[in-house]
Amino acid sequence: GPWRAPADTPPADGVPTSYYSAVRFTCRAHVVDD
């Protein structure tokens, strides 16, 4: 939270969060046996 507090507010008033990347693929699978 302190890292996200706006400039004109006390650091303790900042709200924590997470930064992330999430990707989901839907695929059609083909078995390779050769």
Full PDB file with SEQRES, HELIX, SHEET, SSBOND, CRYST1, ORIGX, SCALE, CONECT and MASTER records, all heavy atoms in Angstrom:
SEQRES   1 A   34  GLY PRO TRP ARG ALA PRO ALA ASP THR PRO PRO ALA ASP          
SEQRES   2 A   34  GLY VAL PRO THR SER TYR TYR SER ALA VAL ARG PHE THR          
SEQRES   3 A   34  CYS ARG ALA HIS VAL VAL ASP ASP                              
HELIX    1 AA1 PRO A    2  ARG A    4  5                                   3    
HELIX    2 AA2 PRO A   11  ASP A   13  5                                   3    
CRYST1    1.000    1.000    1.000  90.00  90.00  90.00 P 1           1          
ORIGX1      1.000000  0.000000  0.000000        0.00000                         
ORIGX2      0.000000  1.000000  0.000000        0.00000                         
ORIGX3      0.000000  0.000000  1.000000        0.00000                         
SCALE1      1.000000  0.000000  0.000000        0.00000                         
SCALE2      0.000000  1.000000  0.000000        0.00000                         
SCALE3      0.000000  0.000000  1.000000        0.00000                         
ATOM      1  N   GLY A   1       0.782  -1.225   0.000  1.00  0.00           N  
ATOM      2  CA  GLY A   1       0.000   0.000   0.000  1.00  0.00           C  
ATOM      3  C   GLY A   1       0.815   1.276   0.000  1.00  0.00           C  
ATOM      4  O   GLY A   1       0.529   2.202  -0.764  1.00  0.00           O  
ATOM      5  N   PRO A   2       1.867   1.376   0.852  1.00  0.00           N  
ATOM      6  CA  PRO A   2       2.633   2.631   0.882  1.00  0.00           C  
ATOM      7  C   PRO A   2       3.224   3.010  -0.482  1.00  0.00           C  
ATOM      8  O   PRO A   2       3.379   4.193  -0.784  1.00  0.00           O  
ATOM      9  CB  PRO A   2       3.736   2.353   1.903  1.00  0.00           C  
ATOM     10  CG  PRO A   2       3.150   1.310   2.797  1.00  0.00           C  
ATOM     11  CD  PRO A   2       2.288   0.455   1.902  1.00  0.00           C  
ATOM     12  N   TRP A   3       3.532   2.034  -1.314  1.00  0.00           N  
ATOM     13  CA  TRP A   3       4.086   2.313  -2.643  1.00  0.00           C  
ATOM     14  C   TRP A   3       3.031   2.895  -3.573  1.00  0.00           C  
ATOM     15  O   TRP A   3       3.358   3.509  -4.577  1.00  0.00           O  
ATOM     16  CB  TRP A   3       4.644   1.055  -3.282  1.00  0.00           C  
ATOM     17  CG  TRP A   3       5.815   0.437  -2.589  1.00  0.00           C  
ATOM     18  CD1 TRP A   3       6.452   0.878  -1.465  1.00  0.00           C  
ATOM     19  CD2 TRP A   3       6.487  -0.746  -2.987  1.00  0.00           C  
ATOM     20  NE1 TRP A   3       7.470   0.042  -1.133  1.00  0.00           N  
ATOM     21  CE2 TRP A   3       7.523  -0.972  -2.056  1.00  0.00           C  
ATOM     22  CE3 TRP A   3       6.314  -1.647  -4.027  1.00  0.00           C  
ATOM     23  CZ2 TRP A   3       8.382  -2.060  -2.136  1.00  0.00           C  
ATOM     24  CZ3 TRP A   3       7.176  -2.730  -4.112  1.00  0.00           C  
ATOM     25  CH2 TRP A   3       8.202  -2.927  -3.183  1.00  0.00           C  
ATOM     26  N   ARG A   4       1.757   2.673  -3.245  1.00  0.00           N  
ATOM     27  CA  ARG A   4       0.675   3.103  -4.135  1.00  0.00           C  
ATOM     28  C   ARG A   4      -0.052   4.334  -3.629  1.00  0.00           C  
ATOM     29  O   ARG A   4      -1.011   4.786  -4.250  1.00  0.00           O  
ATOM     30  CB  ARG A   4      -0.335   1.953  -4.304  1.00  0.00           C  
ATOM     31  CG  ARG A   4       0.281   0.755  -5.005  1.00  0.00           C  
ATOM     32  CD  ARG A   4      -0.770  -0.287  -5.316  1.00  0.00           C  
ATOM     33  NE  ARG A   4      -1.609   0.143  -6.424  1.00  0.00           N  
ATOM     34  CZ  ARG A   4      -2.927   0.229  -6.356  1.00  0.00           C  
ATOM     35  NH1 ARG A   4      -3.577  -0.052  -5.270  1.00  0.00           N  
ATOM     36  NH2 ARG A   4      -3.605   0.630  -7.416  1.00  0.00           N  
ATOM     37  N   ALA A   5       0.364   4.870  -2.498  1.00  0.00           N  
ATOM     38  CA  ALA A   5      -0.325   6.038  -1.936  1.00  0.00           C  
ATOM     39  C   ALA A   5      -0.141   7.242  -2.861  1.00  0.00           C  
ATOM     40  O   ALA A   5       0.958   7.517  -3.322  1.00  0.00           O  
ATOM     41  CB  ALA A   5       0.236   6.355  -0.553  1.00  0.00           C  
ATOM     42  N   PRO A   6      -1.236   7.951  -3.149  1.00  0.00           N  
ATOM     43  CA  PRO A   6      -1.113   9.171  -3.951  1.00  0.00           C  
ATOM     44  C   PRO A   6      -0.164  10.160  -3.259  1.00  0.00           C  
ATOM     45  O   PRO A   6       0.008  10.138  -2.038  1.00  0.00           O  
ATOM     46  CB  PRO A   6      -2.538   9.723  -3.998  1.00  0.00           C  
ATOM     47  CG  PRO A   6      -3.408   8.524  -3.753  1.00  0.00           C  
ATOM     48  CD  PRO A   6      -2.626   7.645  -2.811  1.00  0.00           C  
ATOM     49  N   ALA A   7       0.424  11.040  -4.018  1.00  0.00           N  
ATOM     50  CA  ALA A   7       1.453  11.961  -3.517  1.00  0.00           C  
ATOM     51  C   ALA A   7       0.999  12.794  -2.327  1.00  0.00           C  
ATOM     52  O   ALA A   7       1.793  13.087  -1.445  1.00  0.00           O  
ATOM     53  CB  ALA A   7       1.913  12.862  -4.653  1.00  0.00           C  
ATOM     54  N   ASP A   8      -0.265  13.176  -2.268  1.00  0.00           N  
ATOM     55  CA  ASP A   8      -0.734  14.081  -1.210  1.00  0.00           C  
ATOM     56  C   ASP A   8      -1.383  13.355  -0.037  1.00  0.00           C  
ATOM     57  O   ASP A   8      -2.117  13.975   0.738  1.00  0.00           O  
ATOM     58  CB  ASP A   8      -1.738  15.081  -1.792  1.00  0.00           C  
ATOM     59  CG  ASP A   8      -1.113  15.960  -2.855  1.00  0.00           C  
ATOM     60  OD1 ASP A   8       0.129  16.117  -2.837  1.00  0.00           O  
ATOM     61  OD2 ASP A   8      -1.850  16.469  -3.713  1.00  0.00           O  
ATOM     62  N   THR A   9      -1.133  12.049   0.129  1.00  0.00           N  
ATOM     63  CA  THR A   9      -1.750  11.295   1.224  1.00  0.00           C  
ATOM     64  C   THR A   9      -0.667  10.577   2.021  1.00  0.00           C  
ATOM     65  O   THR A   9       0.426  10.317   1.518  1.00  0.00           O  
ATOM     66  CB  THR A   9      -2.754  10.253   0.694  1.00  0.00           C  
ATOM     67  OG1 THR A   9      -2.045   9.325  -0.131  1.00  0.00           O  
ATOM     68  CG2 THR A   9      -3.869  10.889  -0.097  1.00  0.00           C  
ATOM     69  N   PRO A  10      -0.983  10.245   3.282  1.00  0.00           N  
ATOM     70  CA  PRO A  10      -0.016   9.490   4.088  1.00  0.00           C  
ATOM     71  C   PRO A  10       0.232   8.104   3.450  1.00  0.00           C  
ATOM     72  O   PRO A  10      -0.702   7.492   2.913  1.00  0.00           O  
ATOM     73  CB  PRO A  10      -0.710   9.330   5.444  1.00  0.00           C  
ATOM     74  CG  PRO A  10      -1.782  10.366   5.469  1.00  0.00           C  
ATOM     75  CD  PRO A  10      -2.182  10.591   4.041  1.00  0.00           C  
ATOM     76  N   PRO A  11       1.477   7.609   3.488  1.00  0.00           N  
ATOM     77  CA  PRO A  11       1.783   6.297   2.899  1.00  0.00           C  
ATOM     78  C   PRO A  11       0.886   5.164   3.409  1.00  0.00           C  
ATOM     79  O   PRO A  11       0.524   4.267   2.648  1.00  0.00           O  
ATOM     80  CB  PRO A  11       3.239   6.058   3.300  1.00  0.00           C  
ATOM     81  CG  PRO A  11       3.803   7.426   3.488  1.00  0.00           C  
ATOM     82  CD  PRO A  11       2.662   8.256   4.019  1.00  0.00           C  
ATOM     83  N   ALA A  12       0.466   5.247   4.682  1.00  0.00           N  
ATOM     84  CA  ALA A  12      -0.382   4.189   5.237  1.00  0.00           C  
ATOM     85  C   ALA A  12      -1.764   4.150   4.593  1.00  0.00           C  
ATOM     86  O   ALA A  12      -2.492   3.160   4.737  1.00  0.00           O  
ATOM     87  CB  ALA A  12      -0.521   4.358   6.750  1.00  0.00           C  
ATOM     88  N   ASP A  13      -2.151   5.217   3.887  1.00  0.00           N  
ATOM     89  CA  ASP A  13      -3.457   5.250   3.231  1.00  0.00           C  
ATOM     90  C   ASP A  13      -3.435   4.588   1.853  1.00  0.00           C  
ATOM     91  O   ASP A  13      -4.474   4.491   1.193  1.00  0.00           O  
ATOM     92  CB  ASP A  13      -3.955   6.694   3.091  1.00  0.00           C  
ATOM     93  CG  ASP A  13      -4.397   7.284   4.424  1.00  0.00           C  
ATOM     94  OD1 ASP A  13      -4.433   6.536   5.427  1.00  0.00           O  
ATOM     95  OD2 ASP A  13      -4.696   8.497   4.457  1.00  0.00           O  
ATOM     96  N   GLY A  14      -2.266   4.155   1.400  1.00  0.00           N  
ATOM     97  CA  GLY A  14      -2.183   3.465   0.117  1.00  0.00           C  
ATOM     98  C   GLY A  14      -2.824   2.084   0.208  1.00  0.00           C  
ATOM     99  O   GLY A  14      -2.809   1.446   1.258  1.00  0.00           O  
ATOM    100  N   VAL A  15      -3.403   1.634  -0.879  1.00  0.00           N  
ATOM    101  CA  VAL A  15      -4.081   0.339  -0.918  1.00  0.00           C  
ATOM    102  C   VAL A  15      -3.197  -0.658  -1.679  1.00  0.00           C  
ATOM    103  O   VAL A  15      -2.818  -0.407  -2.819  1.00  0.00           O  
ATOM    104  CB  VAL A  15      -5.462   0.470  -1.613  1.00  0.00           C  
ATOM    105  CG1 VAL A  15      -6.141  -0.876  -1.709  1.00  0.00           C  
ATOM    106  CG2 VAL A  15      -6.325   1.470  -0.873  1.00  0.00           C  
ATOM    107  N   PRO A  16      -2.857  -1.791  -1.047  1.00  0.00           N  
ATOM    108  CA  PRO A  16      -2.005  -2.772  -1.728  1.00  0.00           C  
ATOM    109  C   PRO A  16      -2.711  -3.428  -2.910  1.00  0.00           C  
ATOM    110  O   PRO A  16      -3.941  -3.412  -3.000  1.00  0.00           O  
ATOM    111  CB  PRO A  16      -1.691  -3.797  -0.640  1.00  0.00           C  
ATOM    112  CG  PRO A  16      -2.773  -3.655   0.361  1.00  0.00           C  
ATOM    113  CD  PRO A  16      -3.264  -2.231   0.273  1.00  0.00           C  
ATOM    114  N   THR A  17      -1.919  -3.971  -3.809  1.00  0.00           N  
ATOM    115  CA  THR A  17      -2.462  -4.691  -4.965  1.00  0.00           C  
ATOM    116  C   THR A  17      -1.424  -5.704  -5.425  1.00  0.00           C  
ATOM    117  O   THR A  17      -0.368  -5.842  -4.818  1.00  0.00           O  
ATOM    118  CB  THR A  17      -2.838  -3.717  -6.107  1.00  0.00           C  
ATOM    119  OG1 THR A  17      -3.633  -4.413  -7.065  1.00  0.00           O  
ATOM    120  CG2 THR A  17      -1.604  -3.151  -6.796  1.00  0.00           C  
ATOM    121  N   SER A  18      -1.725  -6.371  -6.490  1.00  0.00           N  
ATOM    122  CA  SER A  18      -0.770  -7.259  -7.145  1.00  0.00           C  
ATOM    123  C   SER A  18      -0.650  -6.824  -8.596  1.00  0.00           C  
ATOM    124  O   SER A  18      -1.624  -6.388  -9.203  1.00  0.00           O  
ATOM    125  CB  SER A  18      -1.264  -8.709  -7.112  1.00  0.00           C  
ATOM    126  OG  SER A  18      -1.235  -9.201  -5.805  1.00  0.00           O  
ATOM    127  N   TYR A  19       0.547  -6.948  -9.142  1.00  0.00           N  
ATOM    128  CA  TYR A  19       0.766  -6.800 -10.579  1.00  0.00           C  
ATOM    129  C   TYR A  19       0.876  -8.206 -11.133  1.00  0.00           C  
ATOM    130  O   TYR A  19       1.560  -9.052 -10.545  1.00  0.00           O  
ATOM    131  CB  TYR A  19       2.063  -6.057 -10.871  1.00  0.00           C  
ATOM    132  CG  TYR A  19       2.019  -4.571 -10.640  1.00  0.00           C  
ATOM    133  CD1 TYR A  19       3.171  -3.831 -10.746  1.00  0.00           C  
ATOM    134  CD2 TYR A  19       0.850  -3.892 -10.337  1.00  0.00           C  
ATOM    135  CE1 TYR A  19       3.169  -2.460 -10.564  1.00  0.00           C  
ATOM    136  CE2 TYR A  19       0.828  -2.536 -10.155  1.00  0.00           C  
ATOM    137  CZ  TYR A  19       1.996  -1.819 -10.260  1.00  0.00           C  
ATOM    138  OH  TYR A  19       1.976  -0.463 -10.077  1.00  0.00           O  
ATOM    139  N   TYR A  20       0.208  -8.465 -12.250  1.00  0.00           N  
ATOM    140  CA  TYR A  20       0.290  -9.810 -12.810  1.00  0.00           C  
ATOM    141  C   TYR A  20      -0.054  -9.837 -14.286  1.00  0.00           C  
ATOM    142  O   TYR A  20      -0.665  -8.918 -14.816  1.00  0.00           O  
ATOM    143  CB  TYR A  20      -0.614 -10.780 -12.053  1.00  0.00           C  
ATOM    144  CG  TYR A  20      -2.084 -10.440 -12.118  1.00  0.00           C  
ATOM    145  CD1 TYR A  20      -2.875 -10.883 -13.170  1.00  0.00           C  
ATOM    146  CD2 TYR A  20      -2.679  -9.683 -11.118  1.00  0.00           C  
ATOM    147  CE1 TYR A  20      -4.219 -10.568 -13.228  1.00  0.00           C  
ATOM    148  CE2 TYR A  20      -4.020  -9.370 -11.166  1.00  0.00           C  
ATOM    149  CZ  TYR A  20      -4.788  -9.811 -12.227  1.00  0.00           C  
ATOM    150  OH  TYR A  20      -6.111  -9.497 -12.282  1.00  0.00           O  
ATOM    151  N   SER A  21       0.378 -10.920 -14.886  1.00  0.00           N  
ATOM    152  CA  SER A  21       0.025 -11.263 -16.264  1.00  0.00           C  
ATOM    153  C   SER A  21      -0.554 -12.666 -16.210  1.00  0.00           C  
ATOM    154  O   SER A  21       0.042 -13.553 -15.612  1.00  0.00           O  
ATOM    155  CB  SER A  21       1.265 -11.302 -17.161  1.00  0.00           C  
ATOM    156  OG  SER A  21       1.973 -10.114 -17.082  1.00  0.00           O  
ATOM    157  N   ALA A  22      -1.690 -12.851 -16.828  1.00  0.00           N  
ATOM    158  CA  ALA A  22      -2.302 -14.172 -16.869  1.00  0.00           C  
ATOM    159  C   ALA A  22      -2.827 -14.428 -18.276  1.00  0.00           C  
ATOM    160  O   ALA A  22      -3.502 -13.570 -18.848  1.00  0.00           O  
ATOM    161  CB  ALA A  22      -3.447 -14.271 -15.861  1.00  0.00           C  
ATOM    162  N   VAL A  23      -2.475 -15.564 -18.827  1.00  0.00           N  
ATOM    163  CA  VAL A  23      -2.915 -15.915 -20.170  1.00  0.00           C  
ATOM    164  C   VAL A  23      -3.438 -17.342 -20.145  1.00  0.00           C  
ATOM    165  O   VAL A  23      -2.795 -18.239 -19.598  1.00  0.00           O  
ATOM    166  CB  VAL A  23      -1.757 -15.802 -21.195  1.00  0.00           C  
ATOM    167  CG1 VAL A  23      -2.240 -16.156 -22.593  1.00  0.00           C  
ATOM    168  CG2 VAL A  23      -1.159 -14.407 -21.177  1.00  0.00           C  
ATOM    169  N   ARG A  24      -4.615 -17.531 -20.725  1.00  0.00           N  
ATOM    170  CA  ARG A  24      -5.196 -18.877 -20.834  1.00  0.00           C  
ATOM    171  C   ARG A  24      -5.415 -19.167 -22.309  1.00  0.00           C  
ATOM    172  O   ARG A  24      -6.016 -18.372 -23.032  1.00  0.00           O  
ATOM    173  CB  ARG A  24      -6.515 -18.964 -20.085  1.00  0.00           C  
ATOM    174  CG  ARG A  24      -7.090 -20.381 -20.112  1.00  0.00           C  
ATOM    175  CD  ARG A  24      -8.421 -20.455 -19.421  1.00  0.00           C  
ATOM    176  NE  ARG A  24      -9.425 -19.935 -20.335  1.00  0.00           N  
ATOM    177  CZ  ARG A  24     -10.637 -19.558 -19.975  1.00  0.00           C  
ATOM    178  NH1 ARG A  24     -10.991 -19.598 -18.722  1.00  0.00           N  
ATOM    179  NH2 ARG A  24     -11.497 -19.127 -20.862  1.00  0.00           N  
ATOM    180  N   PHE A  25      -4.897 -20.308 -22.737  1.00  0.00           N  
ATOM    181  CA  PHE A  25      -5.069 -20.747 -24.115  1.00  0.00           C  
ATOM    182  C   PHE A  25      -6.037 -21.915 -24.147  1.00  0.00           C  
ATOM    183  O   PHE A  25      -5.962 -22.800 -23.307  1.00  0.00           O  
ATOM    184  CB  PHE A  25      -3.740 -21.257 -24.704  1.00  0.00           C  
ATOM    185  CG  PHE A  25      -2.694 -20.204 -24.825  1.00  0.00           C  
ATOM    186  CD1 PHE A  25      -1.743 -20.028 -23.842  1.00  0.00           C  
ATOM    187  CD2 PHE A  25      -2.656 -19.388 -25.944  1.00  0.00           C  
ATOM    188  CE1 PHE A  25      -0.765 -19.062 -23.960  1.00  0.00           C  
ATOM    189  CE2 PHE A  25      -1.674 -18.413 -26.067  1.00  0.00           C  
ATOM    190  CZ  PHE A  25      -0.730 -18.257 -25.070  1.00  0.00           C  
ATOM    191  N   THR A  26      -6.932 -21.931 -25.104  1.00  0.00           N  
ATOM    192  CA  THR A  26      -7.738 -23.107 -25.402  1.00  0.00           C  
ATOM    193  C   THR A  26      -7.152 -23.673 -26.686  1.00  0.00           C  
ATOM    194  O   THR A  26      -6.935 -22.938 -27.660  1.00  0.00           O  
ATOM    195  CB  THR A  26      -9.215 -22.737 -25.612  1.00  0.00           C  
ATOM    196  OG1 THR A  26      -9.687 -22.058 -24.429  1.00  0.00           O  
ATOM    197  CG2 THR A  26     -10.066 -23.963 -25.878  1.00  0.00           C  
ATOM    198  N   CYS A  27      -6.854 -24.970 -26.651  1.00  0.00           N  
ATOM    199  CA  CYS A  27      -6.147 -25.587 -27.774  1.00  0.00           C  
ATOM    200  C   CYS A  27      -6.822 -26.877 -28.208  1.00  0.00           C  
ATOM    201  O   CYS A  27      -7.501 -27.533 -27.427  1.00  0.00           O  
ATOM    202  CB  CYS A  27      -4.713 -25.930 -27.374  1.00  0.00           C  
ATOM    203  SG  CYS A  27      -3.753 -24.547 -26.791  1.00  0.00           S  
ATOM    204  N   ARG A  28      -6.591 -27.233 -29.459  1.00  0.00           N  
ATOM    205  CA  ARG A  28      -6.952 -28.544 -29.983  1.00  0.00           C  
ATOM    206  C   ARG A  28      -5.633 -29.312 -30.067  1.00  0.00           C  
ATOM    207  O   ARG A  28      -4.696 -28.876 -30.738  1.00  0.00           O  
ATOM    208  CB  ARG A  28      -7.598 -28.428 -31.353  1.00  0.00           C  
ATOM    209  CG  ARG A  28      -8.048 -29.761 -31.921  1.00  0.00           C  
ATOM    210  CD  ARG A  28      -8.934 -29.598 -33.153  1.00  0.00           C  
ATOM    211  NE  ARG A  28     -10.220 -29.018 -32.763  1.00  0.00           N  
ATOM    212  CZ  ARG A  28     -10.628 -27.788 -33.093  1.00  0.00           C  
ATOM    213  NH1 ARG A  28      -9.874 -27.005 -33.813  1.00  0.00           N  
ATOM    214  NH2 ARG A  28     -11.803 -27.335 -32.703  1.00  0.00           N  
ATOM    215  N   ALA A  29      -5.550 -30.433 -29.366  1.00  0.00           N  
ATOM    216  CA  ALA A  29      -4.308 -31.206 -29.295  1.00  0.00           C  
ATOM    217  C   ALA A  29      -4.288 -32.310 -30.348  1.00  0.00           C  
ATOM    218  O   ALA A  29      -5.301 -32.960 -30.598  1.00  0.00           O  
ATOM    219  CB  ALA A  29      -4.155 -31.819 -27.908  1.00  0.00           C  
ATOM    220  N   HIS A  30      -3.119 -32.484 -30.938  1.00  0.00           N  
ATOM    221  CA  HIS A  30      -2.892 -33.563 -31.907  1.00  0.00           C  
ATOM    222  C   HIS A  30      -1.715 -34.386 -31.412  1.00  0.00           C  
ATOM    223  O   HIS A  30      -0.620 -33.842 -31.204  1.00  0.00           O  
ATOM    224  CB  HIS A  30      -2.582 -32.996 -33.299  1.00  0.00           C  
ATOM    225  CG  HIS A  30      -3.634 -32.069 -33.805  1.00  0.00           C  
ATOM    226  ND1 HIS A  30      -4.775 -32.512 -34.424  1.00  0.00           N  
ATOM    227  CD2 HIS A  30      -3.729 -30.721 -33.754  1.00  0.00           C  
ATOM    228  CE1 HIS A  30      -5.523 -31.472 -34.748  1.00  0.00           C  
ATOM    229  NE2 HIS A  30      -4.916 -30.371 -34.343  1.00  0.00           N  
ATOM    230  N   VAL A  31      -1.936 -35.667 -31.206  1.00  0.00           N  
ATOM    231  CA  VAL A  31      -0.884 -36.547 -30.718  1.00  0.00           C  
ATOM    232  C   VAL A  31       0.131 -36.782 -31.835  1.00  0.00           C  
ATOM    233  O   VAL A  31      -0.233 -37.025 -32.985  1.00  0.00           O  
ATOM    234  CB  VAL A  31      -1.478 -37.897 -30.237  1.00  0.00           C  
ATOM    235  CG1 VAL A  31      -0.377 -38.864 -29.836  1.00  0.00           C  
ATOM    236  CG2 VAL A  31      -2.442 -37.653 -29.081  1.00  0.00           C  
ATOM    237  N   VAL A  32       1.408 -36.716 -31.470  1.00  0.00           N  
ATOM    238  CA  VAL A  32       2.495 -36.958 -32.410  1.00  0.00           C  
ATOM    239  C   VAL A  32       3.170 -38.261 -32.003  1.00  0.00           C  
ATOM    240  O   VAL A  32       3.789 -38.334 -30.951  1.00  0.00           O  
ATOM    241  CB  VAL A  32       3.522 -35.798 -32.384  1.00  0.00           C  
ATOM    242  CG1 VAL A  32       4.697 -36.093 -33.302  1.00  0.00           C  
ATOM    243  CG2 VAL A  32       2.846 -34.486 -32.746  1.00  0.00           C  
ATOM    244  N   ASP A  33       3.001 -39.300 -32.813  1.00  0.00           N  
ATOM    245  CA  ASP A  33       3.598 -40.599 -32.516  1.00  0.00           C  
ATOM    246  C   ASP A  33       4.664 -41.018 -33.517  1.00  0.00           C  
ATOM    247  O   ASP A  33       5.462 -41.899 -33.225  1.00  0.00           O  
ATOM    248  CB  ASP A  33       2.515 -41.689 -32.459  1.00  0.00           C  
ATOM    249  CG  ASP A  33       1.888 -41.805 -31.081  1.00  0.00           C  
ATOM    250  OD1 ASP A  33       2.567 -41.479 -30.086  1.00  0.00           O  
ATOM    251  OD2 ASP A  33       0.729 -42.216 -30.992  1.00  0.00           O  
ATOM    252  N   ASP A  34       4.691 -40.418 -34.697  1.00  0.00           N  
ATOM    253  CA  ASP A  34       5.676 -40.779 -35.698  1.00  0.00           C  
ATOM    254  C   ASP A  34       7.070 -40.447 -35.174  1.00  0.00           C  
ATOM    255  O   ASP A  34       7.326 -39.315 -34.728  1.00  0.00           O  
ATOM    256  CB  ASP A  34       5.412 -40.006 -36.997  1.00  0.00           C  
ATOM    257  CG  ASP A  34       6.466 -40.303 -38.041  1.00  0.00           C  
ATOM    258  OD1 ASP A  34       6.418 -41.407 -38.619  1.00  0.00           O  
ATOM    259  OD2 ASP A  34       7.338 -39.420 -38.248  1.00  0.00           O  
TER     260      ASP A  34                                                      
MASTER        0    0    0    2    0    0    0    6  259    1    0    3          
END                                                                             
